[in-house]
Amino acid sequence: MIHCFLADLRYTQIHIDNNVFKKKILFVAVYVDNIFICRSDKNKILDFKIKLNDHFKMTNCRACKHYLKMLITQNRTL
C-alpha cells in the first residue's frame, strides 16, 4: 500500500534495497510499520509527512536515535 503511494508521488525504489525510496535528495526507508525520512531540508520533510498523514494513520515520534539496531547521529549544524 505505501509502495503504491510512494510510486504515485514519483518516488523510485533504489536497486540495492527495494524498501528504500528516493526522490531527488529525499530518502524514505520503509520497514514493516516504521518509516524513516532523511533529508537536510526540514520543511521538505514536513511537507512529505503532511502528505503521508493525508493517506495513512500515523504517529510522529521524536528524532530517530536508533533504526534497525543502527545508531543514528544527526548533525543539525549543517
PDB file of N, CA and C in Angstrom:
ATOM      1  N   MET A   1       0.817  -1.187   0.000  1.00  0.00           N
ATOM      2  CA  MET A   1       0.000   0.000   0.000  1.00  0.00           C
ATOM      3  C   MET A   1       0.871   1.264   0.000  1.00  0.00           C
ATOM      4  N   ILE A   2       1.828   1.333   0.909  1.00  0.00           N
ATOM      5  CA  ILE A   2       2.690   2.519   0.932  1.00  0.00           C
ATOM      6  C   ILE A   2       3.585   2.561  -0.301  1.00  0.00           C
ATOM      7  N   HIS A   3       3.965   1.381  -0.819  1.00  0.00           N
ATOM      8  CA  HIS A   3       4.790   1.347  -2.015  1.00  0.00           C
ATOM      9  C   HIS A   3       4.054   2.007  -3.189  1.00  0.00           C
ATOM     10  N   CYS A   4       2.770   1.738  -3.319  1.00  0.00           N
ATOM     11  CA  CYS A   4       1.962   2.351  -4.390  1.00  0.00           C
ATOM     12  C   CYS A   4       1.839   3.854  -4.178  1.00  0.00           C
ATOM     13  N   PHE A   5       1.626   4.250  -2.939  1.00  0.00           N
ATOM     14  CA  PHE A   5       1.523   5.670  -2.608  1.00  0.00           C
ATOM     15  C   PHE A   5       2.797   6.411  -2.999  1.00  0.00           C
ATOM     16  N   LEU A   6       3.943   5.850  -2.648  1.00  0.00           N
ATOM     17  CA  LEU A   6       5.221   6.484  -2.984  1.00  0.00           C
ATOM     18  C   LEU A   6       5.451   6.509  -4.493  1.00  0.00           C
ATOM     19  N   ALA A   7       5.060   5.448  -5.164  1.00  0.00           N
ATOM     20  CA  ALA A   7       5.187   5.417  -6.627  1.00  0.00           C
ATOM     21  C   ALA A   7       4.312   6.498  -7.265  1.00  0.00           C
ATOM     22  N   ASP A   8       3.103   6.701  -6.730  1.00  0.00           N
ATOM     23  CA  ASP A   8       2.222   7.757  -7.238  1.00  0.00           C
ATOM     24  C   ASP A   8       2.840   9.145  -7.069  1.00  0.00           C
ATOM     25  N   LEU A   9       3.643   9.318  -6.017  1.00  0.00           N
ATOM     26  CA  LEU A   9       4.337  10.590  -5.784  1.00  0.00           C
ATOM     27  C   LEU A   9       5.656  10.661  -6.551  1.00  0.00           C
ATOM     28  N   ARG A  10       5.912   9.673  -7.400  1.00  0.00           N
ATOM     29  CA  ARG A  10       7.097   9.588  -8.245  1.00  0.00           C
ATOM     30  C   ARG A  10       8.387   9.316  -7.485  1.00  0.00           C
ATOM     31  N   TYR A  11       8.272   8.619  -6.344  1.00  0.00           N
ATOM     32  CA  TYR A  11       9.455   8.123  -5.654  1.00  0.00           C
ATOM     33  C   TYR A  11       9.860   6.827  -6.334  1.00  0.00           C
ATOM     34  N   THR A  12      11.152   6.603  -6.450  1.00  0.00           N
ATOM     35  CA  THR A  12      11.639   5.374  -7.067  1.00  0.00           C
ATOM     36  C   THR A  12      12.371   4.537  -6.026  1.00  0.00           C
ATOM     37  N   GLN A  13      12.270   3.223  -6.188  1.00  0.00           N
ATOM     38  CA  GLN A  13      12.981   2.316  -5.297  1.00  0.00           C
ATOM     39  C   GLN A  13      14.436   2.251  -5.720  1.00  0.00           C
ATOM     40  N   ILE A  14      15.336   2.246  -4.732  1.00  0.00           N
ATOM     41  CA  ILE A  14      16.737   2.065  -5.094  1.00  0.00           C
ATOM     42  C   ILE A  14      16.961   0.579  -5.340  1.00  0.00           C
ATOM     43  N   HIS A  15      17.851   0.245  -6.240  1.00  0.00           N
ATOM     44  CA  HIS A  15      18.001  -1.145  -6.662  1.00  0.00           C
ATOM     45  C   HIS A  15      18.664  -2.026  -5.608  1.00  0.00           C
ATOM     46  N   ILE A  16      19.392  -1.464  -4.681  1.00  0.00           N
ATOM     47  CA  ILE A  16      20.068  -2.261  -3.652  1.00  0.00           C
ATOM     48  C   ILE A  16      19.078  -2.758  -2.608  1.00  0.00           C
ATOM     49  N   ASP A  17      18.086  -1.940  -2.269  1.00  0.00           N
ATOM     50  CA  ASP A  17      17.082  -2.308  -1.259  1.00  0.00           C
ATOM     51  C   ASP A  17      15.741  -1.741  -1.713  1.00  0.00           C
ATOM     52  N   ASN A  18      14.802  -2.620  -2.073  1.00  0.00           N
ATOM     53  CA  ASN A  18      13.524  -2.131  -2.594  1.00  0.00           C
ATOM     54  C   ASN A  18      12.583  -1.611  -1.515  1.00  0.00           C
ATOM     55  N   ASN A  19      13.049  -1.497  -0.278  1.00  0.00           N
ATOM     56  CA  ASN A  19      12.289  -0.843   0.785  1.00  0.00           C
ATOM     57  C   ASN A  19      12.768   0.579   1.027  1.00  0.00           C
ATOM     58  N   VAL A  20      13.702   1.038   0.218  1.00  0.00           N
ATOM     59  CA  VAL A  20      14.196   2.410   0.310  1.00  0.00           C
ATOM     60  C   VAL A  20      13.826   3.122  -0.989  1.00  0.00           C
ATOM     61  N   PHE A  21      13.202   4.275  -0.828  1.00  0.00           N
ATOM     62  CA  PHE A  21      12.723   5.069  -1.963  1.00  0.00           C
ATOM     63  C   PHE A  21      13.437   6.408  -1.963  1.00  0.00           C
ATOM     64  N   LYS A  22      13.537   6.999  -3.145  1.00  0.00           N
ATOM     65  CA  LYS A  22      14.150   8.325  -3.216  1.00  0.00           C
ATOM     66  C   LYS A  22      13.443   9.161  -4.264  1.00  0.00           C
ATOM     67  N   LYS A  23      13.486  10.449  -4.019  1.00  0.00           N
ATOM     68  CA  LYS A  23      13.026  11.443  -4.981  1.00  0.00           C
ATOM     69  C   LYS A  23      13.928  12.644  -4.791  1.00  0.00           C
ATOM     70  N   LYS A  24      14.729  12.907  -5.795  1.00  0.00           N
ATOM     71  CA  LYS A  24      15.774  13.925  -5.700  1.00  0.00           C
ATOM     72  C   LYS A  24      16.671  13.585  -4.517  1.00  0.00           C
ATOM     73  N   ILE A  25      16.664  14.378  -3.443  1.00  0.00           N
ATOM     74  CA  ILE A  25      17.531  14.070  -2.302  1.00  0.00           C
ATOM     75  C   ILE A  25      16.751  13.769  -1.025  1.00  0.00           C
ATOM     76  N   LEU A  26      15.498  13.354  -1.162  1.00  0.00           N
ATOM     77  CA  LEU A  26      14.722  12.900  -0.003  1.00  0.00           C
ATOM     78  C   LEU A  26      14.649  11.381  -0.071  1.00  0.00           C
ATOM     79  N   PHE A  27      15.073  10.730   0.999  1.00  0.00           N
ATOM     80  CA  PHE A  27      15.058   9.279   1.073  1.00  0.00           C
ATOM     81  C   PHE A  27      14.026   8.822   2.090  1.00  0.00           C
ATOM     82  N   VAL A  28      13.326   7.738   1.756  1.00  0.00           N
ATOM     83  CA  VAL A  28      12.313   7.159   2.630  1.00  0.00           C
ATOM     84  C   VAL A  28      12.614   5.674   2.756  1.00  0.00           C
ATOM     85  N   ALA A  29      12.867   5.221   3.980  1.00  0.00           N
ATOM     86  CA  ALA A  29      13.084   3.798   4.235  1.00  0.00           C
ATOM     87  C   ALA A  29      11.842   3.258   4.940  1.00  0.00           C
ATOM     88  N   VAL A  30      11.309   2.157   4.426  1.00  0.00           N
ATOM     89  CA  VAL A  30      10.100   1.547   4.981  1.00  0.00           C
ATOM     90  C   VAL A  30      10.463   0.175   5.514  1.00  0.00           C
ATOM     91  N   TYR A  31      10.179  -0.067   6.782  1.00  0.00           N
ATOM     92  CA  TYR A  31      10.412  -1.376   7.380  1.00  0.00           C
ATOM     93  C   TYR A  31       9.213  -1.719   8.259  1.00  0.00           C
ATOM     94  N   VAL A  32       8.428  -2.672   7.821  1.00  0.00           N
ATOM     95  CA  VAL A  32       7.194  -3.109   8.477  1.00  0.00           C
ATOM     96  C   VAL A  32       6.298  -1.892   8.704  1.00  0.00           C
ATOM     97  N   ASP A  33       6.194  -1.394   9.930  1.00  0.00           N
ATOM     98  CA  ASP A  33       5.335  -0.235  10.198  1.00  0.00           C
ATOM     99  C   ASP A  33       6.142   0.999  10.596  1.00  0.00           C
ATOM    100  N   ASN A  34       7.411   1.009  10.256  1.00  0.00           N
ATOM    101  CA  ASN A  34       8.271   2.157  10.549  1.00  0.00           C
ATOM    102  C   ASN A  34       8.688   2.827   9.256  1.00  0.00           C
ATOM    103  N   ILE A  35       8.714   4.147   9.288  1.00  0.00           N
ATOM    104  CA  ILE A  35       9.164   4.927   8.136  1.00  0.00           C
ATOM    105  C   ILE A  35      10.248   5.883   8.625  1.00  0.00           C
ATOM    106  N   PHE A  36      11.358   5.861   7.948  1.00  0.00           N
ATOM    107  CA  PHE A  36      12.483   6.730   8.269  1.00  0.00           C
ATOM    108  C   PHE A  36      12.672   7.681   7.095  1.00  0.00           C
ATOM    109  N   ILE A  37      12.587   8.987   7.357  1.00  0.00           N
ATOM    110  CA  ILE A  37      12.683  10.000   6.307  1.00  0.00           C
ATOM    111  C   ILE A  37      13.981  10.767   6.516  1.00  0.00           C
ATOM    112  N   CYS A  38      14.728  10.927   5.444  1.00  0.00           N
ATOM    113  CA  CYS A  38      16.032  11.572   5.550  1.00  0.00           C
ATOM    114  C   CYS A  38      16.179  12.653   4.479  1.00  0.00           C
ATOM    115  N   ARG A  39      16.444  13.853   4.943  1.00  0.00           N
ATOM    116  CA  ARG A  39      16.737  14.984   4.056  1.00  0.00           C
ATOM    117  C   ARG A  39      17.249  16.131   4.922  1.00  0.00           C
ATOM    118  N   SER A  40      18.093  16.964   4.367  1.00  0.00           N
ATOM    119  CA  SER A  40      18.642  18.072   5.148  1.00  0.00           C
ATOM    120  C   SER A  40      17.645  19.220   5.313  1.00  0.00           C
ATOM    121  N   ASP A  41      16.665  19.338   4.431  1.00  0.00           N
ATOM    122  CA  ASP A  41      15.679  20.421   4.477  1.00  0.00           C
ATOM    123  C   ASP A  41      14.469  19.988   5.310  1.00  0.00           C
ATOM    124  N   LYS A  42      14.360  20.533   6.506  1.00  0.00           N
ATOM    125  CA  LYS A  42      13.283  20.142   7.417  1.00  0.00           C
ATOM    126  C   LYS A  42      11.900  20.455   6.837  1.00  0.00           C
ATOM    127  N   ASN A  43      11.766  21.545   6.092  1.00  0.00           N
ATOM    128  CA  ASN A  43      10.475  21.898   5.504  1.00  0.00           C
ATOM    129  C   ASN A  43      10.009  20.851   4.496  1.00  0.00           C
ATOM    130  N   LYS A  44      10.937  20.307   3.723  1.00  0.00           N
ATOM    131  CA  LYS A  44      10.587  19.256   2.754  1.00  0.00           C
ATOM    132  C   LYS A  44      10.117  17.998   3.482  1.00  0.00           C
ATOM    133  N   ILE A  45      10.747  17.698   4.598  1.00  0.00           N
ATOM    134  CA  ILE A  45      10.315  16.539   5.401  1.00  0.00           C
ATOM    135  C   ILE A  45       8.915  16.781   5.935  1.00  0.00           C
ATOM    136  N   LEU A  46       8.651  17.982   6.442  1.00  0.00           N
ATOM    137  CA  LEU A  46       7.319  18.291   6.969  1.00  0.00           C
ATOM    138  C   LEU A  46       6.251  18.218   5.876  1.00  0.00           C
ATOM    139  N   ASP A  47       6.555  18.713   4.687  1.00  0.00           N
ATOM    140  CA  ASP A  47       5.614  18.610   3.559  1.00  0.00           C
ATOM    141  C   ASP A  47       5.303  17.156   3.230  1.00  0.00           C
ATOM    142  N   PHE A  48       6.332  16.326   3.213  1.00  0.00           N
ATOM    143  CA  PHE A  48       6.144  14.910   2.925  1.00  0.00           C
ATOM    144  C   PHE A  48       5.306  14.230   4.015  1.00  0.00           C
ATOM    145  N   LYS A  49       5.553  14.575   5.272  1.00  0.00           N
ATOM    146  CA  LYS A  49       4.797  13.982   6.379  1.00  0.00           C
ATOM    147  C   LYS A  49       3.318  14.380   6.318  1.00  0.00           C
ATOM    148  N   ILE A  50       3.026  15.581   5.857  1.00  0.00           N
ATOM    149  CA  ILE A  50       1.627  16.009   5.686  1.00  0.00           C
ATOM    150  C   ILE A  50       0.945  15.139   4.642  1.00  0.00           C
ATOM    151  N   LYS A  51       1.643  14.871   3.533  1.00  0.00           N
ATOM    152  CA  LYS A  51       1.081  14.000   2.503  1.00  0.00           C
ATOM    153  C   LYS A  51       0.835  12.598   3.036  1.00  0.00           C
ATOM    154  N   LEU A  52       1.764  12.089   3.823  1.00  0.00           N
ATOM    155  CA  LEU A  52       1.581  10.764   4.424  1.00  0.00           C
ATOM    156  C   LEU A  52       0.381  10.752   5.358  1.00  0.00           C
ATOM    157  N   ASN A  53       0.262  11.783   6.184  1.00  0.00           N
ATOM    158  CA  ASN A  53      -0.855  11.875   7.133  1.00  0.00           C
ATOM    159  C   ASN A  53      -2.206  11.954   6.440  1.00  0.00           C
ATOM    160  N   ASP A  54      -2.241  12.500   5.234  1.00  0.00           N
ATOM    161  CA  ASP A  54      -3.494  12.579   4.482  1.00  0.00           C
ATOM    162  C   ASP A  54      -3.984  11.205   4.037  1.00  0.00           C
ATOM    163  N   HIS A  55      -3.080  10.227   3.951  1.00  0.00           N
ATOM    164  CA  HIS A  55      -3.436   8.912   3.432  1.00  0.00           C
ATOM    165  C   HIS A  55      -3.327   7.777   4.444  1.00  0.00           C
ATOM    166  N   PHE A  56      -2.565   7.969   5.500  1.00  0.00           N
ATOM    167  CA  PHE A  56      -2.315   6.893   6.459  1.00  0.00           C
ATOM    168  C   PHE A  56      -2.461   7.409   7.886  1.00  0.00           C
ATOM    169  N   LYS A  57      -2.865   6.512   8.772  1.00  0.00           N
ATOM    170  CA  LYS A  57      -2.887   6.840  10.195  1.00  0.00           C
ATOM    171  C   LYS A  57      -1.457   6.727  10.702  1.00  0.00           C
ATOM    172  N   MET A  58      -0.953   7.820  11.259  1.00  0.00           N
ATOM    173  CA  MET A  58       0.444   7.861  11.675  1.00  0.00           C
ATOM    174  C   MET A  58       0.591   8.503  13.038  1.00  0.00           C
ATOM    175  N   THR A  59       1.666   8.147  13.687  1.00  0.00           N
ATOM    176  CA  THR A  59       2.098   8.869  14.879  1.00  0.00           C
ATOM    177  C   THR A  59       3.480   9.420  14.577  1.00  0.00           C
ATOM    178  N   ASN A  60       3.737  10.598  15.059  1.00  0.00           N
ATOM    179  CA  ASN A  60       5.024  11.235  14.813  1.00  0.00           C
ATOM    180  C   ASN A  60       5.886  11.066  16.053  1.00  0.00           C
ATOM    181  N   CYS A  61       6.958  10.357  15.897  1.00  0.00           N
ATOM    182  CA  CYS A  61       7.870  10.136  17.017  1.00  0.00           C
ATOM    183  C   CYS A  61       8.956  11.194  17.021  1.00  0.00           C
ATOM    184  N   ARG A  62       9.694  11.232  18.076  1.00  0.00           N
ATOM    185  CA  ARG A  62      10.788  12.200  18.195  1.00  0.00           C
ATOM    186  C   ARG A  62      11.927  11.832  17.233  1.00  0.00           C
ATOM    187  N   ALA A  63      12.956  12.592  17.267  1.00  0.00           N
ATOM    188  CA  ALA A  63      14.101  12.357  16.384  1.00  0.00           C
ATOM    189  C   ALA A  63      14.623  10.936  16.570  1.00  0.00           C
ATOM    190  N   CYS A  64      14.990  10.342  15.479  1.00  0.00           N
ATOM    191  CA  CYS A  64      15.450   8.955  15.478  1.00  0.00           C
ATOM    192  C   CYS A  64      16.848   8.857  16.078  1.00  0.00           C
ATOM    193  N   LYS A  65      17.017   7.934  17.014  1.00  0.00           N
ATOM    194  CA  LYS A  65      18.340   7.680  17.591  1.00  0.00           C
ATOM    195  C   LYS A  65      18.852   6.296  17.218  1.00  0.00           C
ATOM    196  N   HIS A  66      17.932   5.365  16.994  1.00  0.00           N
ATOM    197  CA  HIS A  66      18.278   4.014  16.554  1.00  0.00           C
ATOM    198  C   HIS A  66      17.287   3.587  15.481  1.00  0.00           C
ATOM    199  N   TYR A  67      17.769   2.875  14.476  1.00  0.00           N
ATOM    200  CA  TYR A  67      16.902   2.343  13.429  1.00  0.00           C
ATOM    201  C   TYR A  67      17.482   1.003  13.000  1.00  0.00           C
ATOM    202  N   LEU A  68      16.696  -0.050  13.148  1.00  0.00           N
ATOM    203  CA  LEU A  68      17.143  -1.398  12.811  1.00  0.00           C
ATOM    204  C   LEU A  68      18.493  -1.720  13.456  1.00  0.00           C
ATOM    205  N   LYS A  69      18.598  -1.395  14.720  1.00  0.00           N
ATOM    206  CA  LYS A  69      19.794  -1.640  15.540  1.00  0.00           C
ATOM    207  C   LYS A  69      21.014  -0.830  15.109  1.00  0.00           C
ATOM    208  N   MET A  70      20.798   0.213  14.302  1.00  0.00           N
ATOM    209  CA  MET A  70      21.891   1.103  13.918  1.00  0.00           C
ATOM    210  C   MET A  70      21.771   2.398  14.717  1.00  0.00           C
ATOM    211  N   LEU A  71      22.881   2.919  15.165  1.00  0.00           N
ATOM    212  CA  LEU A  71      22.911   4.199  15.860  1.00  0.00           C
ATOM    213  C   LEU A  71      22.861   5.316  14.833  1.00  0.00           C
ATOM    214  N   ILE A  72      21.935   6.257  15.011  1.00  0.00           N
ATOM    215  CA  ILE A  72      21.776   7.390  14.103  1.00  0.00           C
ATOM    216  C   ILE A  72      22.325   8.642  14.780  1.00  0.00           C
ATOM    217  N   THR A  73      23.220   9.316  14.106  1.00  0.00           N
ATOM    218  CA  THR A  73      23.759  10.574  14.604  1.00  0.00           C
ATOM    219  C   THR A  73      23.333  11.670  13.646  1.00  0.00           C
ATOM    220  N   GLN A  74      22.739  12.723  14.183  1.00  0.00           N
ATOM    221  CA  GLN A  74      22.279  13.830  13.361  1.00  0.00           C
ATOM    222  C   GLN A  74      23.146  15.046  13.602  1.00  0.00           C
ATOM    223  N   ASN A  75      23.548  15.691  12.520  1.00  0.00           N
ATOM    224  CA  ASN A  75      24.308  16.927  12.608  1.00  0.00           C
ATOM    225  C   ASN A  75      23.395  18.044  12.138  1.00  0.00           C
ATOM    226  N   ARG A  76      22.823  18.776  13.054  1.00  0.00           N
ATOM    227  CA  ARG A  76      21.888  19.843  12.721  1.00  0.00           C
ATOM    228  C   ARG A  76      22.563  21.186  12.479  1.00  0.00           C
ATOM    229  N   THR A  77      23.888  21.205  12.487  1.00  0.00           N
ATOM    230  CA  THR A  77      24.595  22.468  12.263  1.00  0.00           C
ATOM    231  C   THR A  77      24.849  22.734  10.798  1.00  0.00           C
ATOM    232  N   LEU A  78      24.636  21.762   9.942  1.00  0.00           N
ATOM    233  CA  LEU A  78      24.884  21.956   8.500  1.00  0.00           C
ATOM    234  C   LEU A  78      23.816  22.789   7.859  1.00  0.00           C
TER     235      LEU A  78
END
